[in-house]
């Protein structure tokens, strides 16, 4: 989140960890824009922040060419802000999976390649509601056609906020074929400004460093890494027409 309160600290930490795959988490809801609010009035509320209602933003984008132009400008500004950090761009996704909106996906596909975008996460999980799997699967097909590396599934989405060591150990012990992303929200505290009520962030952090989880992953024989590790399976990315 390049406009987030802790972005500067996160960037400095990432620079000390060159093996960390850092992605751009595009924010278009429940957050602060990079551009001045007066340049994107269709996307923000009176407080200058993105609207809390994703439905209102989605409808504005669908109904208004001006809103779509503002959307593209803000997405471009967020890509530019990430590029200014000097960090390699590992992957792209959007806050609260807003890139499932086809016009947001179109804007990202039109803008991202110029900034080195080569991979994107889609929120597909075995056992998720059929409608979500179908819609996310359509986005995955579209991205692959454009030459973007896409995960085949995530694990942990259904257990958001409670993906503890026991659940994670079971999930990684028998990986399915293809590219799987471990999806979680680790933190050193459960309560902080902006936390999701009920989330067990500390348990998810503990799961990632749990010896039993690590052993299960090693014993599974799965190849591990960030998105860039698997880019040899992707075709060159070409810009898609803006929608």
Protein backbone atom coordinates (compact mmCIF):
# COMPACT_ATOMS: atom_id res chain seq x y z
CA UNK A 1 0.00 0.00 0.00
CA UNK A 2 2.20 2.81 -1.27
CA UNK A 3 0.12 5.53 0.42
CA UNK A 4 -0.21 3.65 3.70
CA UNK A 5 0.96 5.13 6.98
CA UNK A 6 3.73 2.54 7.35
CA UNK A 7 4.89 2.52 3.72
CA UNK A 8 8.21 4.21 4.45
CA UNK A 9 9.09 1.74 7.19
CA UNK A 10 8.05 -1.19 5.01
CA UNK A 11 10.22 0.02 2.14
CA UNK A 12 13.28 0.30 4.35
CA UNK A 13 12.73 -3.18 5.74
CA UNK A 14 12.26 -4.61 2.24
CA UNK A 15 15.53 -3.05 1.08
CA UNK A 16 17.31 -5.03 3.78
CA UNK A 17 15.66 -8.26 2.57
CA UNK A 18 16.50 -8.63 -1.13
CA UNK A 19 14.94 -12.10 -1.30
CA UNK A 20 11.53 -10.80 -0.23
CA UNK A 21 8.96 -10.67 -3.03
CA UNK A 22 7.26 -7.30 -2.58
CA UNK A 23 4.07 -6.65 -4.50
CA UNK A 24 2.00 -3.56 -5.23
CA UNK A 25 -1.25 -3.74 -3.29
CA UNK A 26 -3.41 -1.28 -5.23
CA UNK A 27 -5.81 0.56 -2.94
CA UNK A 28 -9.07 1.96 -4.30
CA UNK A 29 -11.25 1.50 -1.22
CA UNK A 30 -10.79 1.94 2.51
CA UNK A 31 -7.57 3.91 2.25
CA UNK A 32 -5.80 7.07 1.13
CA UNK A 33 -5.02 7.89 -2.51
CA UNK A 34 -1.65 8.87 -3.91
CA UNK A 35 -3.11 11.67 -6.03
CA UNK A 36 -4.59 14.80 -4.45
CA UNK A 37 -8.30 14.15 -3.73
CA UNK A 38 -9.37 17.04 -5.95
CA UNK A 39 -7.96 15.18 -8.96
CA UNK A 40 -10.10 12.08 -8.34
CA UNK A 41 -13.43 13.39 -6.94
CA UNK A 42 -15.39 10.43 -8.31
CA UNK A 43 -13.37 8.00 -6.18
CA UNK A 44 -13.15 9.75 -2.81
CA UNK A 45 -15.46 11.02 -0.11
CA UNK A 46 -15.57 14.41 1.64
CA UNK A 47 -12.66 13.35 3.87
CA UNK A 48 -10.39 12.88 0.84
CA UNK A 49 -10.12 9.13 1.36
CA UNK A 50 -11.45 6.40 -0.90
CA UNK A 51 -15.07 5.53 -0.26
CA UNK A 52 -15.78 2.78 2.23
CA UNK A 53 -18.49 1.47 -0.11
CA UNK A 54 -16.87 -0.58 -2.84
CA UNK A 55 -20.27 -0.89 -4.51
CA UNK A 56 -20.54 2.89 -4.89
CA UNK A 57 -17.07 3.05 -6.42
CA UNK A 58 -17.78 0.09 -8.70
CA UNK A 59 -20.98 1.71 -9.97
CA UNK A 60 -19.25 5.06 -10.51
CA UNK A 61 -16.52 3.41 -12.55
CA UNK A 62 -19.06 1.49 -14.62
CA UNK A 63 -21.28 4.51 -15.28
CA UNK A 64 -18.85 7.40 -15.77
CA UNK A 65 -16.03 7.86 -18.31
CA UNK A 66 -14.66 10.60 -16.05
CA UNK A 67 -14.51 8.18 -13.12
CA UNK A 68 -12.66 5.64 -15.29
CA UNK A 69 -10.14 8.28 -16.32
CA UNK A 70 -9.59 9.17 -12.66
CA UNK A 71 -9.23 5.47 -11.86
CA UNK A 72 -6.50 5.05 -14.46
CA UNK A 73 -4.70 8.15 -13.21
CA UNK A 74 -4.68 6.89 -9.62
CA UNK A 75 -3.57 3.39 -10.58
CA UNK A 76 -0.76 4.90 -12.66
CA UNK A 77 0.26 7.06 -9.69
CA UNK A 78 0.40 4.03 -7.41
CA UNK A 79 2.56 2.11 -9.89
CA UNK A 80 4.83 5.15 -10.18
CA UNK A 81 5.10 5.43 -6.40
CA UNK A 82 6.13 1.78 -6.19
CA UNK A 83 8.68 2.24 -8.98
CA UNK A 84 10.16 5.19 -7.09
CA UNK A 85 11.07 2.87 -4.21
CA UNK A 86 13.56 1.05 -6.42
CA UNK A 87 12.22 -2.32 -5.24
CA UNK A 88 11.68 -5.07 -7.84
CA UNK A 89 7.96 -5.52 -8.51
CA UNK A 90 7.13 -9.11 -7.61
CA UNK A 91 3.39 -9.09 -8.28
CA UNK A 92 0.24 -6.96 -8.21
CA UNK A 93 -3.15 -7.29 -6.55
CA UNK A 94 -5.76 -4.95 -5.11
CA UNK A 95 -7.03 -4.26 -1.62
CA UNK A 96 -10.10 -6.38 -0.87
CA UNK A 97 -9.63 -8.11 -4.25
CA UNK A 98 -11.04 -5.07 -6.07
CA UNK A 99 -9.15 -6.13 -9.21
CA UNK A 100 -11.99 -8.61 -9.74
CA UNK A 101 -13.89 -5.62 -11.13
CA UNK A 102 -13.33 -6.03 -14.90
CA UNK A 103 -12.74 -2.32 -15.51
CA UNK A 104 -10.18 -2.15 -12.71
CA UNK A 105 -8.50 -5.23 -14.16
CA UNK A 106 -8.46 -3.57 -17.58
CA UNK A 107 -6.81 -0.46 -16.17
CA UNK A 108 -4.15 -2.51 -14.38
CA UNK A 109 -3.45 -4.52 -17.52
CA UNK A 110 -3.15 -1.34 -19.57
CA UNK A 111 -0.82 0.41 -17.13
CA UNK A 112 1.11 -2.32 -15.32
CA UNK A 113 3.40 -3.65 -18.08
CA UNK A 114 5.09 -0.26 -18.46
CA UNK A 115 6.14 -0.59 -14.80
CA UNK A 116 7.35 -4.16 -15.07
CA UNK A 117 4.22 -6.00 -13.95
CA UNK A 118 4.58 -9.68 -14.75
CA UNK A 119 2.45 -11.44 -12.12
CA UNK A 120 -0.88 -10.99 -10.39
CA UNK A 121 -2.72 -12.86 -7.68
CA UNK A 122 -6.28 -14.06 -8.19
CA UNK A 123 -8.30 -15.15 -5.12
CA UNK A 124 -9.16 -18.70 -6.22
CA UNK A 125 -9.41 -21.27 -3.45
CA UNK A 126 -10.58 -24.86 -3.53
CA UNK A 127 -13.81 -25.03 -1.56
CA UNK A 128 -14.64 -21.33 -1.99
CA UNK A 129 -18.17 -20.40 -3.16
CA UNK A 130 -18.71 -21.46 -6.76
CA UNK A 131 -19.56 -17.92 -7.92
CA UNK A 132 -16.27 -16.53 -6.56
CA UNK A 133 -14.24 -19.37 -8.05
CA UNK A 134 -15.91 -18.88 -11.44
CA UNK A 135 -15.44 -15.11 -11.48
CA UNK A 136 -11.85 -15.25 -10.25
CA UNK A 137 -11.17 -18.05 -12.71
CA UNK A 138 -12.35 -15.82 -15.57
CA UNK A 139 -9.91 -13.13 -14.46
CA UNK A 140 -7.14 -15.72 -14.28
CA UNK A 141 -7.79 -16.82 -17.86
CA UNK A 142 -7.77 -13.21 -19.02
CA UNK A 143 -4.48 -12.51 -17.28
CA UNK A 144 -2.82 -15.65 -18.63
CA UNK A 145 -3.92 -14.73 -22.14
CA UNK A 146 -2.15 -11.38 -21.64
CA UNK A 147 1.01 -13.22 -20.55
CA UNK A 148 0.71 -12.47 -16.82
CA UNK A 149 1.81 -15.13 -14.35
CA UNK A 150 -1.16 -16.12 -12.19
CA UNK A 151 -1.43 -18.43 -9.22
CA UNK A 152 -3.65 -21.47 -9.70
CA UNK A 153 -5.09 -21.10 -6.19
CA UNK A 154 -4.56 -19.63 -2.76
CA UNK A 155 -4.74 -21.40 0.58
CA UNK A 156 -5.82 -19.53 3.68
CA UNK A 157 -8.40 -17.19 2.18
CA UNK A 158 -11.30 -19.07 3.73
CA UNK A 159 -9.45 -19.03 7.05
CA UNK A 160 -8.57 -15.32 6.95
CA UNK A 161 -7.70 -14.15 10.42
CA UNK A 162 -7.47 -17.66 11.83
CA UNK A 163 -4.99 -19.43 9.55
CA UNK A 164 -3.09 -20.84 12.51
CA UNK A 165 -0.32 -23.43 12.60
CA UNK A 166 -2.62 -26.45 12.68
CA UNK A 167 -4.60 -25.28 9.66
CA UNK A 168 -1.49 -24.23 7.76
CA UNK A 169 0.30 -27.51 8.43
CA UNK A 170 -2.66 -29.46 7.01
CA UNK A 171 -2.86 -27.15 3.99
CA UNK A 172 0.80 -27.35 2.97
CA UNK A 173 1.27 -31.05 3.67
CA UNK A 174 -0.53 -32.14 0.47
CA UNK A 175 -0.21 -29.38 -2.11
CA UNK A 176 -2.18 -29.57 -5.32
CA UNK A 177 -0.43 -29.37 -8.67
CA UNK A 178 0.29 -25.88 -9.97
CA UNK A 179 1.15 -22.59 -8.31
CA UNK A 180 -0.32 -22.09 -4.85
CA UNK A 181 -0.04 -18.91 -2.80
CA UNK A 182 -0.06 -19.06 1.01
CA UNK A 183 -2.45 -16.27 1.94
CA UNK A 184 -2.31 -14.78 5.42
CA UNK A 185 -2.05 -11.57 7.43
CA UNK A 186 0.81 -11.96 9.93
CA UNK A 187 1.47 -9.28 12.52
CA UNK A 188 3.03 -8.93 15.96
CA UNK A 189 -0.19 -7.59 17.52
CA UNK A 190 -3.87 -8.43 17.13
CA UNK A 191 -5.07 -4.87 17.75
CA UNK A 192 -3.66 -1.79 16.03
CA UNK A 193 -5.09 1.12 13.99
CA UNK A 194 -6.93 -0.41 11.05
CA UNK A 195 -6.99 -3.99 12.34
CA UNK A 196 -9.86 -6.27 11.35
CA UNK A 197 -11.94 -7.19 14.41
CA UNK A 198 -11.48 -10.80 15.43
CA UNK A 199 -8.38 -11.42 13.33
CA UNK A 200 -5.70 -13.49 15.06
CA UNK A 201 -2.74 -11.85 13.36
CA UNK A 202 -0.22 -13.16 15.89
CA UNK A 203 -1.38 -16.74 15.33
CA UNK A 204 -0.86 -16.34 11.58
CA UNK A 205 2.65 -15.00 12.15
CA UNK A 206 3.40 -17.90 14.49
CA UNK A 207 2.15 -20.35 11.85
CA UNK A 208 4.63 -19.05 9.27
CA UNK A 209 7.60 -19.78 11.56
CA UNK A 210 6.24 -22.94 13.16
CA UNK A 211 8.72 -25.85 12.82
CA UNK A 212 5.95 -28.35 12.10
CA UNK A 213 4.59 -26.20 9.27
CA UNK A 214 8.06 -25.82 7.80
CA UNK A 215 8.68 -29.57 8.04
CA UNK A 216 5.37 -30.35 6.38
CA UNK A 217 6.19 -28.00 3.51
CA UNK A 218 9.69 -29.44 3.05
CA UNK A 219 8.37 -33.00 3.18
CA UNK A 220 5.70 -32.18 0.59
CA UNK A 221 8.41 -31.74 -2.03
CA UNK A 222 6.89 -28.47 -3.24
CA UNK A 223 9.13 -25.86 -4.85
CA UNK A 224 8.88 -22.60 -2.92
CA UNK A 225 9.56 -18.96 -3.68
CA UNK A 226 7.90 -15.68 -4.53
CA UNK A 227 6.09 -14.95 -7.79
CA UNK A 228 9.28 -13.94 -9.58
CA UNK A 229 10.71 -17.40 -8.86
CA UNK A 230 8.15 -18.88 -11.24
CA UNK A 231 8.24 -16.28 -14.02
CA UNK A 232 9.91 -18.73 -16.40
CA UNK A 233 6.41 -20.19 -16.86
CA UNK A 234 4.91 -16.90 -18.07
CA UNK A 235 4.84 -15.32 -21.51
CA UNK A 236 5.95 -11.69 -22.07
CA UNK A 237 3.28 -9.25 -20.94
CA UNK A 238 1.63 -6.98 -23.49
CA UNK A 239 -0.63 -4.05 -22.55
CA UNK A 240 -4.36 -4.70 -22.75
CA UNK A 241 -6.84 -2.14 -24.09
CA UNK A 242 -8.24 0.11 -21.38
CA UNK A 243 -11.87 -0.62 -20.49
